[in-house]
Amino acid sequence: MKIKAGIVGATGYAGAELVRLLTAHPEAELSAISSVSFEGDKLSDVYPSYTFLNDMVCENQDAVVEKSDVIFAALPHGLSQELAAKCIDAGKAFIDLGADFRLESEEEYTEWYGGTFLDKKLHEQAVYGLPEFFRDKIKGKKLVANPGCYTTCSPLAIAPAIVNGLVSTKGIICDCKSGVTGAGRKPNQGNHYPELNEGFHAYKVASHRHTPEIEQTLSKLSGEKVIITFVPHLLPVNRGILATVYADIKDGVTFEQIRKAYEDFYKDEFFVRLLDDGKCADIHNIKYSNFCDVSIHHDKRANKLVACAAIDNMVKGAAGQAIQNMNIIFGLDEKTGLVIVPPAF
């Protein structure tokens, strides 16, 4: 019997991407979808590309919970905690694509998001869903906090060097560029075409909410407190994130050692493609897929590691990774429904 999957917030970009991927998933079927903005409307009226492929009608949240084995919540931060409690009480699995369960520290959550933990015991049940690092903790769990886009890409770029103690954890810089879908579907001046086209700028410099999430992951991997400088930039493209992470190589460590560490760390990770020396990760090559392309480079003059990672922010940075987590929860092969060949051009 197929897994019954429901989506709350199905008409936002991440929700719509979940629909696209789950519609073709061989072991899951969409049981119900909801949208506050389009309740009662057919999804194909909101996104005509789904015509004849998915003409489901957007219902309310209660219908999604009732009809589903697993609920994906693609909601703004602050809106998932009560829904998660309802789903867990009903014995359902809950995968939150928002930020409500990502941070383990309530103090940090309050500082960066302005909210509080409504149920601390519920938060203690949550596991952080970055499978390449934490899959053993995800297996069999009911509550998964799906990582953000920057917070997937940046750690994947630098993790092998951190885990193996090859670079300093001091002074790490995460310099990231994202497509505009990362800002969501709601229109605003910043993503208005004349404002965005042919422009390129940094935003929320050293103050982006993904900062503590990246630090939390890197701290767990390194076993010590990591403080980073994180600067995101907005690209005038629809999809993709390129993270360029800079770290000081420790004395006595060779680039050959670093290369070997990356090869060993990612050799069994289907979705992480470590590129050959001399090649650079490019968002063009991962569009619409769950792949993360990683390239590493040695700045010999400064003795720094420059690690680049490229993902599709809507797939590996959101919906695809959420489905990867669903596959793990229900004991499926992680790749199920996610072996998607990126377009060649």
Protein backbone atom coordinates (compact mmCIF):
# COMPACT_ATOMS: atom_id res chain seq x y z
CA MET A 1 0.00 0.00 0.00
CA LYS A 2 1.29 3.42 -0.93
CA ILE A 3 2.12 6.08 1.64
CA LYS A 4 -0.63 8.67 1.85
CA ALA A 5 1.08 12.05 1.70
CA GLY A 6 -0.62 15.36 2.42
CA ILE A 7 0.65 18.89 1.94
CA VAL A 8 -0.30 21.94 3.98
CA GLY A 9 0.61 25.07 2.06
CA ALA A 10 0.53 23.41 -1.35
CA THR A 11 0.34 26.58 -3.43
CA GLY A 12 3.57 28.23 -2.31
CA TYR A 13 6.71 27.44 -4.27
CA ALA A 14 7.96 24.71 -1.92
CA GLY A 15 4.48 23.22 -1.65
CA ALA A 16 4.02 23.19 -5.41
CA GLU A 17 7.40 21.49 -5.78
CA LEU A 18 6.28 18.83 -3.32
CA VAL A 19 3.23 18.28 -5.51
CA ARG A 20 5.43 17.89 -8.59
CA LEU A 21 7.70 15.32 -6.97
CA LEU A 22 5.04 13.37 -5.06
CA THR A 23 2.80 13.10 -8.12
CA ALA A 24 5.50 10.94 -9.72
CA HIS A 25 6.59 9.07 -6.56
CA PRO A 26 6.15 5.30 -7.05
CA GLU A 27 5.57 4.51 -3.36
CA ALA A 28 3.47 7.50 -2.29
CA GLU A 29 0.25 9.14 -3.38
CA LEU A 30 -1.09 12.59 -2.67
CA SER A 31 -4.02 12.17 -0.31
CA ALA A 32 -4.96 15.81 0.25
CA ILE A 33 -3.60 19.33 -0.13
CA SER A 34 -4.50 22.60 1.53
CA SER A 35 -4.07 26.29 0.88
CA VAL A 36 -5.41 29.21 2.87
CA SER A 37 -5.28 31.49 -0.17
CA PHE A 38 -6.85 29.04 -2.63
CA GLU A 39 -9.12 26.80 -0.54
CA GLY A 40 -11.78 25.33 -2.81
CA ASP A 41 -9.76 25.91 -5.97
CA LYS A 42 -8.16 23.27 -8.15
CA LEU A 43 -4.40 23.20 -7.95
CA SER A 44 -4.24 23.19 -11.75
CA ASP A 45 -6.05 26.54 -11.76
CA VAL A 46 -3.26 27.97 -9.61
CA TYR A 47 -0.47 26.20 -11.53
CA PRO A 48 -1.70 25.37 -15.05
CA SER A 49 1.35 23.15 -15.63
CA TYR A 50 -0.41 20.51 -13.49
CA THR A 51 -3.48 20.33 -15.78
CA PHE A 52 -4.56 16.68 -16.29
CA LEU A 53 -1.65 15.60 -14.08
CA ASN A 54 -2.98 16.86 -10.77
CA ASP A 55 -6.39 18.49 -10.57
CA MET A 56 -6.81 18.07 -6.80
CA VAL A 57 -8.89 20.65 -4.96
CA CYS A 58 -7.29 22.56 -2.11
CA GLU A 59 -9.00 21.62 1.17
CA ASN A 60 -8.48 22.72 4.76
CA GLN A 61 -5.72 21.57 7.12
CA ASP A 62 -7.96 19.19 9.07
CA ALA A 63 -8.75 17.25 5.90
CA VAL A 64 -5.05 16.89 5.15
CA VAL A 65 -4.32 15.53 8.63
CA GLU A 66 -7.26 13.12 8.52
CA LYS A 67 -6.44 11.64 5.11
CA SER A 68 -2.66 11.36 5.36
CA ASP A 69 0.04 9.13 6.84
CA VAL A 70 2.63 11.89 6.52
CA ILE A 71 2.00 15.63 6.45
CA PHE A 72 4.39 18.05 4.80
CA ALA A 73 4.05 21.58 6.14
CA ALA A 74 5.25 24.27 3.73
CA LEU A 75 4.32 27.23 5.89
CA PRO A 76 5.96 30.45 7.09
CA HIS A 77 7.76 30.21 10.43
CA GLY A 78 5.53 30.29 13.48
CA LEU A 79 2.64 28.38 11.90
CA SER A 80 3.74 24.76 12.23
CA GLN A 81 3.98 24.09 15.96
CA GLU A 82 0.28 23.61 16.72
CA LEU A 83 -0.24 21.63 13.52
CA ALA A 84 2.71 19.39 14.34
CA ALA A 85 1.28 18.64 17.78
CA LYS A 86 -2.06 17.69 16.23
CA CYS A 87 -0.37 15.39 13.71
CA ILE A 88 1.89 13.69 16.25
CA ASP A 89 -1.07 13.14 18.61
CA ALA A 90 -2.91 11.50 15.72
CA GLY A 91 0.02 9.15 15.07
CA LYS A 92 1.03 10.81 11.82
CA ALA A 93 4.49 11.67 10.59
CA PHE A 94 5.17 15.40 10.24
CA ILE A 95 7.87 16.97 8.08
CA ASP A 96 8.19 20.71 8.57
CA LEU A 97 9.74 22.70 5.75
CA GLY A 98 9.60 25.84 7.91
CA ALA A 99 11.91 26.94 10.70
CA ASP A 100 9.84 26.10 13.78
CA PHE A 101 11.74 22.95 14.79
CA ARG A 102 15.18 23.51 13.29
CA LEU A 103 16.88 25.28 16.19
CA GLU A 104 17.42 23.28 19.36
CA SER A 105 17.86 26.38 21.51
CA GLU A 106 14.67 28.24 22.37
CA GLU A 107 16.81 31.26 23.22
CA GLU A 108 18.21 31.31 19.69
CA TYR A 109 14.76 30.75 18.19
CA THR A 110 13.44 33.74 20.10
CA GLU A 111 16.43 35.88 19.15
CA TRP A 112 16.24 35.14 15.42
CA TYR A 113 12.54 34.48 14.87
CA GLY A 114 10.83 36.29 17.71
CA GLY A 115 8.80 33.26 18.81
CA THR A 116 8.85 30.68 21.57
CA PHE A 117 8.57 26.90 21.83
CA LEU A 118 4.90 26.17 22.50
CA ASP A 119 5.72 22.64 23.68
CA LYS A 120 9.32 21.96 24.69
CA LYS A 121 8.76 18.20 24.87
CA LEU A 122 7.53 18.24 21.28
CA HIS A 123 10.67 20.08 20.23
CA GLU A 124 12.78 17.45 21.96
CA GLN A 125 11.19 14.83 19.67
CA ALA A 126 12.21 16.71 16.53
CA VAL A 127 15.20 15.53 14.51
CA TYR A 128 17.09 17.70 12.05
CA GLY A 129 16.58 16.27 8.59
CA LEU A 130 19.87 16.59 6.74
CA PRO A 131 20.24 12.93 5.75
CA GLU A 132 23.89 13.02 4.69
CA PHE A 133 24.78 13.79 8.31
CA PHE A 134 21.90 12.58 10.47
CA ARG A 135 20.08 9.76 8.66
CA ASP A 136 20.48 7.33 11.56
CA LYS A 137 18.56 9.72 13.80
CA ILE A 138 15.82 10.23 11.20
CA LYS A 139 14.93 6.55 10.80
CA GLY A 140 11.58 5.75 12.37
CA LYS A 141 11.01 9.26 13.73
CA LYS A 142 7.69 11.08 13.41
CA LEU A 143 8.81 14.71 13.55
CA VAL A 144 11.46 16.00 11.16
CA ALA A 145 12.69 19.57 10.78
CA ASN A 146 13.60 19.91 7.12
CA PRO A 147 16.67 22.15 6.77
CA GLY A 148 16.61 25.45 4.96
CA CYS A 149 18.24 25.98 1.58
CA TYR A 150 21.36 27.87 2.66
CA THR A 151 21.61 25.58 5.66
CA THR A 152 21.73 22.54 3.43
CA CYS A 153 24.18 23.88 0.88
CA SER A 154 26.78 25.50 3.15
CA PRO A 155 27.40 22.55 5.50
CA LEU A 156 27.55 20.10 2.58
CA ALA A 157 30.32 22.25 1.10
CA ILE A 158 32.60 22.20 4.15
CA ALA A 159 31.55 19.18 6.26
CA PRO A 160 34.30 16.68 5.35
CA ALA A 161 37.02 19.18 6.23
CA ILE A 162 35.29 20.07 9.51
CA VAL A 163 34.61 16.48 10.57
CA ASN A 164 38.21 15.44 9.93
CA GLY A 165 39.69 18.46 11.70
CA LEU A 166 41.54 19.64 8.60
CA VAL A 167 40.49 23.29 8.78
CA SER A 168 40.13 25.81 11.55
CA THR A 169 36.63 26.33 12.88
CA LYS A 170 37.49 29.98 13.46
CA GLY A 171 36.81 32.57 10.79
CA ILE A 172 34.71 30.42 8.46
CA ILE A 173 32.94 32.50 5.81
CA CYS A 174 29.82 31.28 4.00
CA ASP A 175 29.30 33.40 0.89
CA CYS A 176 26.05 32.32 -0.78
CA LYS A 177 24.01 33.26 -3.83
CA SER A 178 20.36 32.26 -4.25
CA GLY A 179 17.68 32.37 -6.91
CA VAL A 180 14.62 34.48 -6.22
CA THR A 181 12.26 31.57 -5.47
CA GLY A 182 13.94 31.45 -2.07
CA ALA A 183 12.01 34.60 -1.20
CA GLY A 184 8.68 32.82 -1.66
CA ARG A 185 5.71 33.42 -3.94
CA LYS A 186 4.25 36.50 -2.28
CA PRO A 187 5.14 39.53 -4.43
CA ASN A 188 7.20 42.38 -3.02
CA GLN A 189 9.33 45.16 -4.42
CA GLY A 190 12.56 43.24 -3.93
CA ASN A 191 11.54 40.42 -6.27
CA HIS A 192 9.64 42.61 -8.74
CA TYR A 193 11.12 42.00 -12.21
CA PRO A 194 12.36 45.55 -12.98
CA GLU A 195 13.98 45.75 -9.53
CA LEU A 196 15.63 42.33 -9.78
CA ASN A 197 16.58 41.89 -13.41
CA GLU A 198 20.19 42.71 -14.32
CA GLY A 199 20.96 43.37 -10.67
CA PHE A 200 22.89 41.47 -8.02
CA HIS A 201 23.17 42.37 -4.35
CA ALA A 202 23.85 41.11 -0.87
CA TYR A 203 21.07 41.21 1.70
CA LYS A 204 20.72 40.65 5.44
CA VAL A 205 24.50 40.83 5.67
CA ALA A 206 25.70 38.98 8.79
CA SER A 207 22.11 38.98 10.08
CA HIS A 208 20.27 36.29 8.11
CA ARG A 209 18.12 33.87 10.13
CA HIS A 210 19.88 30.85 8.67
CA THR A 211 23.09 31.83 10.47
CA PRO A 212 22.42 29.99 13.76
CA GLU A 213 21.15 26.96 11.88
CA ILE A 214 24.39 26.63 9.89
CA GLU A 215 26.38 27.16 13.10
CA GLN A 216 24.33 24.50 14.90
CA THR A 217 25.10 21.92 12.21
CA LEU A 218 28.80 22.76 11.96
CA SER A 219 29.13 22.76 15.75
CA LYS A 220 27.66 19.26 15.92
CA LEU A 221 29.97 18.02 13.19
CA SER A 222 33.08 19.55 14.73
CA GLY A 223 32.31 18.95 18.39
CA GLU A 224 33.00 22.58 19.25
CA LYS A 225 31.17 25.88 19.04
CA VAL A 226 31.42 27.32 15.52
CA ILE A 227 30.75 30.97 14.70
CA ILE A 228 30.55 31.89 11.03
CA THR A 229 30.21 34.98 8.88
CA PHE A 230 27.26 34.37 6.56
CA VAL A 231 26.45 36.69 3.68
CA PRO A 232 23.62 35.78 1.28
CA HIS A 233 23.15 37.39 -2.14
CA LEU A 234 20.15 37.49 -4.46
CA LEU A 235 20.66 36.30 -8.03
CA PRO A 236 18.27 37.30 -10.84
CA VAL A 237 17.49 33.64 -11.61
CA ASN A 238 14.56 31.44 -10.61
CA ARG A 239 16.36 28.50 -9.03
CA GLY A 240 19.63 27.51 -7.49
CA ILE A 241 22.01 28.23 -4.65
CA LEU A 242 25.77 28.42 -4.87
CA ALA A 243 27.57 28.38 -1.54
CA THR A 244 31.26 29.31 -1.47
CA VAL A 245 32.74 28.53 1.93
CA TYR A 246 36.20 29.74 2.97
CA ALA A 247 38.20 28.14 5.79
CA ASP A 248 41.82 28.28 6.96
CA ILE A 249 43.69 25.03 6.40
CA LYS A 250 45.50 23.86 9.53
CA ASP A 251 49.29 23.78 9.63
CA GLY A 252 50.71 20.57 8.24
CA VAL A 253 47.56 19.60 6.34
CA THR A 254 47.92 19.03 2.60
CA PHE A 255 45.28 19.57 -0.05
CA GLU A 256 45.68 15.91 -0.99
CA GLN A 257 44.54 14.99 2.54
CA ILE A 258 41.53 17.25 2.16
CA ARG A 259 40.66 15.75 -1.23
CA LYS A 260 40.88 12.23 0.23
CA ALA A 261 38.65 13.25 3.15
CA TYR A 262 35.98 14.51 0.77
CA GLU A 263 36.16 11.39 -1.37
CA ASP A 264 35.79 9.12 1.66
CA PHE A 265 33.03 11.21 3.23
CA TYR A 266 30.82 11.34 0.16
CA LYS A 267 31.68 8.07 -1.60
CA ASP A 268 28.35 6.45 -0.62
CA GLU A 269 26.20 9.58 -0.88
CA PHE A 270 24.20 9.29 -4.09
CA PHE A 271 22.95 12.87 -4.03
CA VAL A 272 26.34 14.49 -3.43
CA ARG A 273 28.50 14.65 -6.54
CA LEU A 274 32.11 15.53 -5.76
CA LEU A 275 33.59 17.11 -8.86
CA ASP A 276 37.06 16.45 -10.20
CA ASP A 277 39.88 18.89 -9.49
CA GLY A 278 39.69 21.92 -11.75
CA LYS A 279 35.90 21.83 -12.07
CA CYS A 280 33.56 24.25 -10.28
CA ALA A 281 30.07 23.62 -8.94
CA ASP A 282 27.43 25.33 -11.10
CA ILE A 283 23.72 25.82 -10.40
CA HIS A 284 23.03 25.11 -14.07
CA ASN A 285 23.90 21.44 -13.56
CA ILE A 286 21.59 20.63 -10.63
CA LYS A 287 18.32 22.35 -11.62
CA TYR A 288 15.12 20.42 -10.83
CA SER A 289 17.17 17.66 -9.16
CA ASN A 290 18.02 16.56 -5.63
CA PHE A 291 21.75 16.59 -6.33
CA CYS A 292 24.34 18.70 -4.57
CA ASP A 293 27.47 19.29 -6.62
CA VAL A 294 30.60 19.99 -4.56
CA SER A 295 33.95 21.29 -5.77
CA ILE A 296 36.99 22.05 -3.62
CA HIS A 297 39.85 24.40 -4.36
CA HIS A 298 43.15 25.37 -2.70
CA ASP A 299 44.16 28.99 -2.36
CA LYS A 300 47.85 28.25 -1.96
CA ARG A 301 48.92 31.83 -1.27
CA ALA A 302 46.57 32.21 1.68
CA ASN A 303 46.48 28.48 2.53
CA LYS A 304 42.70 28.49 2.52
CA LEU A 305 40.20 25.87 1.47
CA VAL A 306 37.58 27.23 -0.91
CA ALA A 307 34.66 24.79 -1.02
CA CYS A 308 31.76 25.33 -3.41
CA ALA A 309 28.38 23.60 -3.38
CA ALA A 310 25.43 23.99 -5.74
CA ILE A 311 21.86 22.86 -5.12
CA ASP A 312 18.39 23.58 -6.43
CA ASN A 313 16.92 25.56 -3.56
CA MET A 314 13.43 24.18 -4.28
CA VAL A 315 14.52 20.53 -4.42
CA LYS A 316 17.54 19.57 -2.30
CA GLY A 317 16.98 22.85 -0.46
CA ALA A 318 13.30 22.14 0.24
CA ALA A 319 10.87 19.63 -1.31
CA GLY A 320 13.31 17.00 -2.55
CA GLN A 321 15.09 16.75 0.78
CA ALA A 322 11.72 16.55 2.54
CA ILE A 323 10.81 13.55 0.38
CA GLN A 324 14.26 12.06 1.02
CA ASN A 325 13.39 12.32 4.72
CA MET A 326 9.98 10.72 4.13
CA ASN A 327 11.69 7.82 2.38
CA ILE A 328 13.98 7.31 5.38
CA ILE A 329 11.13 7.52 7.90
CA PHE A 330 9.12 4.86 6.07
CA GLY A 331 12.04 2.55 5.34
CA LEU A 332 12.25 3.19 1.61
CA ASP A 333 15.39 3.60 -0.44
CA GLU A 334 16.34 7.27 -0.07
CA LYS A 335 16.47 7.70 -3.83
CA THR A 336 12.87 6.61 -4.39
CA GLY A 337 11.07 9.18 -6.51
CA LEU A 338 14.13 11.42 -6.59
CA VAL A 339 16.33 10.03 -9.35
CA ILE A 340 15.79 13.05 -11.57
CA VAL A 341 18.17 13.87 -14.40
CA PRO A 342 18.87 17.62 -14.50
CA PRO A 343 18.24 19.25 -17.90
CA ALA A 344 21.32 19.42 -20.11
CA PHE A 345 20.61 23.05 -21.03
